[in-house]
Amino acid sequence: MKLSCTQENLNRALTAVEKIITKSAALPVLSNVLLEVDGGRLKISTTNLEVGINYWIGAKIEQAGGITAPARVLTSFVTKLPNAKINIEDSQNKTLIIKTNEATANIKGLDAKEFPIIPQLKESALCEVKNIDLKNALLSTIIAVAQNEIRPEISGVFLSFDMAKNTLTVVGTDSFRLAEKIISLTPASGEKTGEQESASVILPKNTANELIRILDNADRARVTLSVNQVLFEMDGINLISRLIDGKYPDYKQIIPSAFKTKVLLETKALANSIKMASLFSDARLMNLSLKTNAAESLIEVRAESGEIGSHHSKIKANIEGEDIEAVFKHKDLLEGLAGVSDEKVVLGLNGASSPAVLKPANEKSNYLYVILPLTV
């Protein structure tokens, strides 16, 4: 293999793919990145056997071939090079040679044949989504995904493709809270609305995090599903991942359909009050209380710690219904509010022990966050 490319392009590709790498004593090549000539371009690939990423960059090809090299070393070295032309070649003793006008590095590698094959899906693409929409949906919901794997089916992000309505519903839950975001999709090129079957899958949390990182590299993503894998194809980059096997719970059952009390207030004001109260909450419980005061059109935020002191703030609000006080973790409230992009938020309450809901005042935002109060 012999070629040349720019430092900027190579660095961008290596930075995008190297995050998924894990060390494996049984399979050392998993710590490496694969560089190979593919269709007149340089393809850079990594995998941890659950997720695989391929990234193509423009290059002047003199000789085809491929080699793997330690990803951390290669990425760290290329990052420190100036933005200029880089010459790349491999030697017969499996060494990757990187040359610029100022520096040369000889990096010991492994044969490209030892690198695991990243599968290619034979199925037709299902749909396309805007990357900014998918990224925001994942960011808004991944915060609620279960942290452990006791229940594998809720340890990932639920993706439900409704091809009749042209919508993708993204959900995360840990049984104590739930976040849902609905975004638009378009059928894959050549397909019409409703021609393809709707589908639902569970995306591993680690895959969702990697997808969030690389979605900025393009405008749209093309989605293909198989029985146990999903492929996201973008301009010059794709990600393929295994799916979590299992049935996602019927989460719609826990979303309240009506509320005893509805509160409309400014999103920023509520977030700021919660942040102030968090400074005074119990370090272990992270709890604070929200209490509605319909007579004075206020919602009161309180927190108290025996070691620090107490906090009490009031926020102007439009309140419909009876006065209710409920206790929540401040971290959970703030993470839910982060998904509200509107200036105003609706807080729905049903009592001190019933699920509460946060959602944008604008229904078109298609986001909601369900949270269970703490039992005090």
Protein backbone atom coordinates (compact mmCIF):
# COMPACT_ATOMS: atom_id res chain seq x y z
CA MET A 1 0.00 0.00 0.00
CA LYS A 2 1.25 3.45 -0.92
CA LEU A 3 -0.74 6.67 -0.92
CA SER A 4 -0.91 10.28 0.21
CA CYS A 5 -3.65 12.32 1.90
CA THR A 6 -4.05 15.43 4.03
CA GLN A 7 -3.44 15.46 7.78
CA GLU A 8 -6.81 17.13 8.33
CA ASN A 9 -8.79 14.35 6.62
CA LEU A 10 -6.81 11.52 8.19
CA ASN A 11 -7.02 13.05 11.66
CA ARG A 12 -10.78 13.58 11.37
CA ALA A 13 -11.30 9.96 10.33
CA LEU A 14 -9.07 8.47 13.02
CA THR A 15 -10.69 10.59 15.72
CA ALA A 16 -14.13 9.42 14.59
CA VAL A 17 -13.37 5.69 14.56
CA GLU A 18 -10.92 5.10 17.41
CA LYS A 19 -13.32 5.72 20.30
CA ILE A 20 -14.98 2.29 20.01
CA ILE A 21 -11.73 0.38 20.41
CA THR A 22 -11.35 -1.95 23.38
CA LYS A 23 -8.30 -3.90 24.50
CA SER A 24 -8.53 -7.65 24.11
CA ALA A 25 -5.82 -10.07 25.23
CA ALA A 26 -7.48 -12.81 23.21
CA LEU A 27 -7.67 -10.71 20.03
CA PRO A 28 -4.95 -7.99 20.02
CA VAL A 29 -5.95 -6.79 16.54
CA LEU A 30 -9.07 -5.21 18.10
CA SER A 31 -6.76 -2.51 19.46
CA ASN A 32 -5.78 -1.66 15.91
CA VAL A 33 -7.25 0.44 13.15
CA LEU A 34 -7.44 -1.01 9.64
CA LEU A 35 -6.19 1.15 6.76
CA GLU A 36 -6.88 -0.17 3.29
CA VAL A 37 -7.36 1.09 -0.24
CA ASP A 38 -10.99 0.83 -1.31
CA GLY A 39 -12.36 2.13 -4.60
CA GLY A 40 -9.75 4.82 -5.09
CA ARG A 41 -10.08 6.07 -1.51
CA LEU A 42 -8.52 5.24 1.85
CA LYS A 43 -10.89 3.32 4.13
CA ILE A 44 -10.25 3.47 7.86
CA SER A 45 -12.05 0.90 10.04
CA THR A 46 -12.36 -0.14 13.68
CA THR A 47 -14.53 -2.65 15.52
CA ASN A 48 -15.10 -4.06 19.00
CA LEU A 49 -17.18 -6.96 17.60
CA GLU A 50 -20.40 -5.24 18.72
CA VAL A 51 -19.97 -2.04 16.72
CA GLY A 52 -17.99 -1.41 13.54
CA ILE A 53 -17.22 1.93 11.89
CA ASN A 54 -15.92 2.52 8.36
CA TYR A 55 -14.69 5.97 7.30
CA TRP A 56 -13.57 6.85 3.76
CA ILE A 57 -11.34 9.80 2.88
CA GLY A 58 -9.92 11.09 -0.38
CA ALA A 59 -6.37 10.02 -1.18
CA LYS A 60 -3.91 9.83 -4.05
CA ILE A 61 -3.41 6.10 -4.51
CA GLU A 62 -0.14 4.76 -5.89
CA GLN A 63 -0.45 1.16 -4.76
CA ALA A 64 -3.33 -0.87 -3.29
CA GLY A 65 -3.10 -2.84 -0.07
CA GLY A 66 -3.87 -2.66 3.62
CA ILE A 67 -2.43 -2.90 7.12
CA THR A 68 -3.56 -2.53 10.72
CA ALA A 69 -1.79 -0.34 13.28
CA PRO A 70 -2.30 0.47 16.98
CA ALA A 71 -5.10 3.03 16.97
CA ARG A 72 -4.04 5.04 20.01
CA VAL A 73 -0.46 5.50 18.80
CA LEU A 74 -1.45 6.30 15.23
CA THR A 75 -4.17 8.76 16.22
CA SER A 76 -1.98 10.53 18.77
CA PHE A 77 0.85 10.88 16.26
CA VAL A 78 -1.31 12.16 13.40
CA THR A 79 -3.05 14.64 15.70
CA LYS A 80 0.30 16.29 16.45
CA LEU A 81 1.29 16.68 12.79
CA PRO A 82 0.78 19.99 10.95
CA ASN A 83 -2.06 20.24 8.45
CA ALA A 84 -0.15 19.22 5.37
CA LYS A 85 0.37 16.31 3.00
CA ILE A 86 1.02 12.91 4.59
CA ASN A 87 2.63 9.99 2.77
CA ILE A 88 1.55 6.53 3.91
CA GLU A 89 2.93 3.12 3.00
CA ASP A 90 3.46 -0.30 4.51
CA SER A 91 6.56 -2.43 4.47
CA GLN A 92 6.91 -6.18 4.05
CA ASN A 93 7.55 -6.63 7.78
CA LYS A 94 4.08 -5.24 8.63
CA THR A 95 5.22 -1.75 9.55
CA LEU A 96 3.15 1.33 8.77
CA ILE A 97 5.31 4.22 7.59
CA ILE A 98 3.98 7.77 8.01
CA LYS A 99 6.01 10.56 6.41
CA THR A 100 5.73 14.34 6.23
CA ASN A 101 8.33 16.96 5.36
CA GLU A 102 9.09 17.34 9.07
CA ALA A 103 8.65 13.88 10.58
CA THR A 104 8.67 10.14 9.95
CA ALA A 105 7.15 7.37 12.05
CA ASN A 106 7.51 3.61 11.69
CA ILE A 107 4.62 1.95 13.52
CA LYS A 108 4.58 -1.81 13.98
CA GLY A 109 1.30 -3.30 12.84
CA LEU A 110 -0.49 -6.54 12.07
CA ASP A 111 -1.58 -8.13 8.81
CA ALA A 112 -4.85 -6.74 7.45
CA LYS A 113 -6.08 -10.34 7.08
CA GLU A 114 -6.16 -10.67 10.89
CA PHE A 115 -8.70 -7.85 11.21
CA PRO A 116 -12.29 -9.09 11.83
CA ILE A 117 -14.63 -8.72 8.88
CA ILE A 118 -17.15 -5.93 9.47
CA PRO A 119 -20.40 -7.34 8.05
CA GLN A 120 -22.36 -5.76 5.22
CA LEU A 121 -26.15 -5.98 5.29
CA LYS A 122 -27.87 -7.44 2.24
CA GLU A 123 -31.28 -6.02 3.16
CA SER A 124 -32.68 -2.93 1.44
CA ALA A 125 -32.52 0.37 3.28
CA LEU A 126 -35.61 1.19 5.33
CA CYS A 127 -35.53 4.98 5.59
CA GLU A 128 -33.52 8.18 5.89
CA VAL A 129 -33.44 10.65 8.79
CA LYS A 130 -31.90 14.06 9.31
CA ASN A 131 -28.78 13.67 11.41
CA ILE A 132 -29.48 16.71 13.58
CA ASP A 133 -32.94 15.32 14.41
CA LEU A 134 -31.59 11.85 15.23
CA LYS A 135 -28.78 13.28 17.34
CA ASN A 136 -31.15 15.46 19.36
CA ALA A 137 -33.54 12.53 19.83
CA LEU A 138 -30.75 10.28 21.11
CA LEU A 139 -29.38 12.98 23.42
CA SER A 140 -32.87 13.58 24.83
CA THR A 141 -33.57 9.91 25.56
CA ILE A 142 -30.29 8.17 26.33
CA ILE A 143 -30.19 9.86 29.73
CA ALA A 144 -33.10 7.65 30.86
CA VAL A 145 -31.64 4.32 29.67
CA ALA A 146 -30.97 1.78 32.42
CA GLN A 147 -27.36 1.77 33.64
CA ASN A 148 -27.12 -1.99 34.26
CA GLU A 149 -27.85 -5.11 32.26
CA ILE A 150 -30.08 -6.93 34.74
CA ARG A 151 -32.87 -6.26 32.25
CA PRO A 152 -31.11 -6.19 28.85
CA GLU A 153 -34.23 -5.00 27.03
CA ILE A 154 -34.11 -1.60 28.79
CA SER A 155 -30.31 -1.24 28.69
CA GLY A 156 -30.57 0.24 25.19
CA VAL A 157 -32.45 2.87 23.21
CA PHE A 158 -35.74 1.77 21.66
CA LEU A 159 -36.23 2.78 18.01
CA SER A 160 -39.71 2.38 16.50
CA PHE A 161 -40.04 3.06 12.77
CA ASP A 162 -43.62 3.83 11.69
CA MET A 163 -43.51 3.74 7.90
CA ALA A 164 -47.22 4.63 7.57
CA LYS A 165 -46.80 7.87 9.53
CA ASN A 166 -43.19 8.50 8.44
CA THR A 167 -42.04 8.85 12.04
CA LEU A 168 -39.26 7.44 14.19
CA THR A 169 -39.98 7.20 17.91
CA VAL A 170 -36.90 7.12 20.15
CA VAL A 171 -37.32 5.97 23.77
CA GLY A 172 -35.18 5.41 26.84
CA THR A 173 -36.29 4.14 30.26
CA ASP A 174 -34.91 2.68 33.47
CA SER A 175 -38.35 1.94 35.00
CA PHE A 176 -38.14 5.07 37.21
CA ARG A 177 -38.17 7.59 34.39
CA LEU A 178 -38.83 7.58 30.67
CA ALA A 179 -37.97 9.90 27.78
CA GLU A 180 -39.64 9.82 24.36
CA LYS A 181 -38.86 11.88 21.27
CA ILE A 182 -40.62 11.55 17.90
CA ILE A 183 -38.90 12.74 14.71
CA SER A 184 -39.71 12.62 11.01
CA LEU A 185 -38.27 10.13 8.56
CA THR A 186 -38.49 9.65 4.81
CA PRO A 187 -38.76 6.29 3.04
CA ALA A 188 -35.54 5.10 1.42
CA SER A 189 -35.04 6.28 -2.15
CA GLY A 190 -37.38 4.52 -4.55
CA GLU A 191 -39.87 3.58 -1.85
CA LYS A 192 -43.24 5.17 -1.13
CA THR A 193 -44.86 5.92 2.21
CA GLY A 194 -46.43 2.79 3.68
CA GLU A 195 -44.83 0.37 1.19
CA GLN A 196 -42.31 -0.91 3.72
CA GLU A 197 -43.21 -2.62 6.96
CA SER A 198 -42.83 -0.78 10.24
CA ALA A 199 -40.16 -2.12 12.57
CA SER A 200 -38.83 -1.74 16.11
CA VAL A 201 -35.34 -2.46 17.46
CA ILE A 202 -33.31 -1.93 20.63
CA LEU A 203 -30.01 -0.15 20.05
CA PRO A 204 -27.22 -0.77 22.61
CA LYS A 205 -26.44 2.31 24.70
CA ASN A 206 -22.77 2.27 23.68
CA THR A 207 -23.79 2.26 20.02
CA ALA A 208 -26.13 5.19 20.60
CA ASN A 209 -23.28 7.15 22.18
CA GLU A 210 -20.99 6.44 19.23
CA LEU A 211 -23.74 7.40 16.80
CA ILE A 212 -24.20 10.72 18.61
CA ARG A 213 -20.49 11.42 18.11
CA ILE A 214 -20.35 10.76 14.37
CA LEU A 215 -23.69 12.20 13.26
CA ASP A 216 -22.12 15.65 12.89
CA ASN A 217 -20.09 14.34 9.95
CA ALA A 218 -23.04 14.40 7.52
CA ASP A 219 -26.54 15.81 6.96
CA ARG A 220 -28.58 12.62 6.63
CA ALA A 221 -28.35 8.97 7.64
CA ARG A 222 -29.71 6.01 5.71
CA VAL A 223 -30.98 3.23 7.99
CA THR A 224 -30.97 -0.48 7.14
CA LEU A 225 -32.22 -3.22 9.46
CA SER A 226 -31.62 -6.95 9.58
CA VAL A 227 -32.72 -9.55 12.11
CA ASN A 228 -29.99 -8.69 14.62
CA GLN A 229 -28.08 -5.73 13.17
CA VAL A 230 -28.59 -2.11 12.13
CA LEU A 231 -26.61 -0.04 9.64
CA PHE A 232 -26.41 3.75 9.56
CA GLU A 233 -24.91 5.02 6.30
CA MET A 234 -23.78 8.61 5.86
CA ASP A 235 -21.67 10.45 3.33
CA GLY A 236 -18.26 8.81 3.64
CA ILE A 237 -18.95 7.02 6.91
CA ASN A 238 -21.07 4.15 8.17
CA LEU A 239 -21.73 2.44 11.47
CA ILE A 240 -23.02 -1.09 11.90
CA SER A 241 -24.06 -2.56 15.22
CA ARG A 242 -25.56 -5.60 16.82
CA LEU A 243 -29.01 -5.14 18.31
CA ILE A 244 -30.23 -6.13 21.77
CA ASP A 245 -32.37 -9.23 21.65
CA GLY A 246 -35.61 -8.99 23.59
CA LYS A 247 -39.01 -7.34 23.74
CA TYR A 248 -39.16 -3.72 24.83
CA PRO A 249 -41.77 -3.09 27.55
CA ASP A 250 -45.10 -1.50 26.65
CA TYR A 251 -43.97 1.87 27.95
CA LYS A 252 -47.12 3.68 26.80
CA GLN A 253 -48.95 2.19 29.78
CA ILE A 254 -47.02 4.31 32.28
CA ILE A 255 -47.54 7.64 30.49
CA PRO A 256 -50.37 9.48 32.29
CA SER A 257 -53.26 10.45 30.03
CA ALA A 258 -54.65 13.10 32.40
CA PHE A 259 -53.41 15.21 35.32
CA LYS A 260 -54.84 16.53 38.56
CA THR A 261 -52.62 19.59 38.17
CA LYS A 262 -51.01 21.21 35.11
CA VAL A 263 -48.32 23.86 35.48
CA LEU A 264 -47.10 26.12 32.67
CA LEU A 265 -43.88 28.03 33.36
CA GLU A 266 -40.64 29.23 31.80
CA THR A 267 -38.19 26.40 31.14
CA LYS A 268 -35.11 28.44 32.04
CA ALA A 269 -36.64 29.71 35.29
CA LEU A 270 -37.46 26.18 36.44
CA ALA A 271 -34.02 24.87 35.48
CA ASN A 272 -32.25 27.72 37.30
CA SER A 273 -34.29 27.20 40.47
CA ILE A 274 -33.54 23.47 40.43
CA LYS A 275 -29.83 24.17 39.95
CA MET A 276 -29.83 26.54 42.94
CA ALA A 277 -31.75 24.08 45.08
CA SER A 278 -29.37 21.25 44.14
CA LEU A 279 -26.62 23.05 46.06
CA PHE A 280 -28.59 22.52 49.26
CA SER A 281 -30.02 19.04 48.69
CA ASP A 282 -28.89 15.92 50.50
CA ALA A 283 -25.70 14.70 48.81
CA ARG A 284 -26.86 11.08 48.84
CA LEU A 285 -30.55 11.45 47.94
CA MET A 286 -30.16 14.52 45.68
CA ASN A 287 -33.78 15.34 46.53
CA LEU A 288 -35.81 18.53 46.32
CA SER A 289 -39.52 19.27 46.49
CA LEU A 290 -41.81 21.01 44.02
CA LYS A 291 -45.03 22.44 45.45
CA THR A 292 -47.75 24.19 43.49
CA ASN A 293 -49.50 27.25 44.90
CA ALA A 294 -52.48 27.85 42.63
CA ALA A 295 -53.85 30.76 44.69
CA GLU A 296 -50.69 32.80 44.15
CA SER A 297 -49.81 31.34 40.70
CA LEU A 298 -46.48 30.07 41.98
CA ILE A 299 -44.50 26.87 42.10
CA GLU A 300 -42.16 26.57 45.06
CA VAL A 301 -38.83 24.77 44.99
CA ARG A 302 -37.31 23.63 48.29
CA ALA A 303 -34.20 21.72 49.32
CA GLU A 304 -32.58 21.11 52.68
CA SER A 305 -29.42 19.49 53.99
CA GLY A 306 -28.41 19.10 57.61
CA GLU A 307 -24.79 19.78 56.68
CA ILE A 308 -25.27 22.76 54.34
CA GLY A 309 -28.55 24.53 55.04
CA SER A 310 -31.76 25.14 53.13
CA HIS A 311 -33.09 26.79 49.99
CA HIS A 312 -36.51 28.10 48.98
CA SER A 313 -37.40 29.79 45.70
CA LYS A 314 -40.64 30.76 43.94
CA ILE A 315 -41.41 30.75 40.21
CA LYS A 316 -44.34 32.43 38.51
CA ALA A 317 -46.56 29.88 36.78
CA ASN A 318 -50.00 29.29 35.32
CA ILE A 319 -51.57 26.52 37.38
CA GLU A 320 -54.71 24.50 36.73
CA GLY A 321 -55.92 22.06 39.38
CA GLU A 322 -55.27 21.28 43.03
CA ASP A 323 -52.12 22.04 45.00
CA ILE A 324 -49.65 19.14 44.99
CA GLU A 325 -46.22 18.64 46.53
CA ALA A 326 -43.84 15.98 45.21
CA VAL A 327 -40.17 15.16 45.77
CA PHE A 328 -37.74 14.40 42.92
CA LYS A 329 -34.03 13.91 42.28
CA HIS A 330 -32.69 17.21 41.00
CA LYS A 331 -30.44 15.39 38.52
CA ASP A 332 -33.39 13.59 36.96
CA LEU A 333 -35.38 16.81 36.61
CA LEU A 334 -32.50 18.69 34.99
CA GLU A 335 -31.80 15.89 32.53
CA GLY A 336 -35.45 15.85 31.52
CA LEU A 337 -35.54 19.63 31.10
CA ALA A 338 -32.47 19.45 28.86
CA GLY A 339 -34.67 17.83 26.23
CA VAL A 340 -37.11 20.77 26.27
CA SER A 341 -36.03 23.28 23.62
CA ASP A 342 -39.09 25.53 24.01
CA GLU A 343 -39.14 28.65 26.18
CA LYS A 344 -42.02 27.24 28.22
CA VAL A 345 -42.55 23.81 29.73
CA VAL A 346 -45.64 21.97 30.99
CA LEU A 347 -45.38 20.02 34.24
CA GLY A 348 -48.17 17.50 34.79
CA LEU A 349 -48.71 16.18 38.34
CA ASN A 350 -51.00 13.53 39.81
CA GLY A 351 -49.79 13.37 43.40
CA ALA A 352 -46.81 12.73 45.63
CA SER A 353 -46.35 9.14 44.45
CA SER A 354 -47.71 9.16 40.89
CA PRO A 355 -45.67 9.66 37.69
CA ALA A 356 -45.14 13.29 36.66
CA VAL A 357 -44.59 14.51 33.12
CA LEU A 358 -42.42 17.26 31.65
CA LYS A 359 -43.07 18.30 28.07
CA PRO A 360 -42.65 21.39 25.89
CA ALA A 361 -45.58 23.79 25.76
CA ASN A 362 -45.45 23.46 21.99
CA GLU A 363 -46.96 20.05 21.19
CA LYS A 364 -45.14 20.00 17.84
CA SER A 365 -41.87 19.41 19.70
CA ASN A 366 -42.96 15.77 20.17
CA TYR A 367 -40.99 15.23 23.38
CA LEU A 368 -42.06 14.05 26.81
CA TYR A 369 -40.32 12.99 29.98
CA VAL A 370 -41.97 10.85 32.65
CA ILE A 371 -40.49 10.75 36.14
CA LEU A 372 -41.52 8.98 39.34
CA PRO A 373 -41.41 11.05 42.54
CA LEU A 374 -39.26 9.85 45.43
CA THR A 375 -40.95 8.24 48.40
CA VAL A 376 -40.07 10.25 51.50
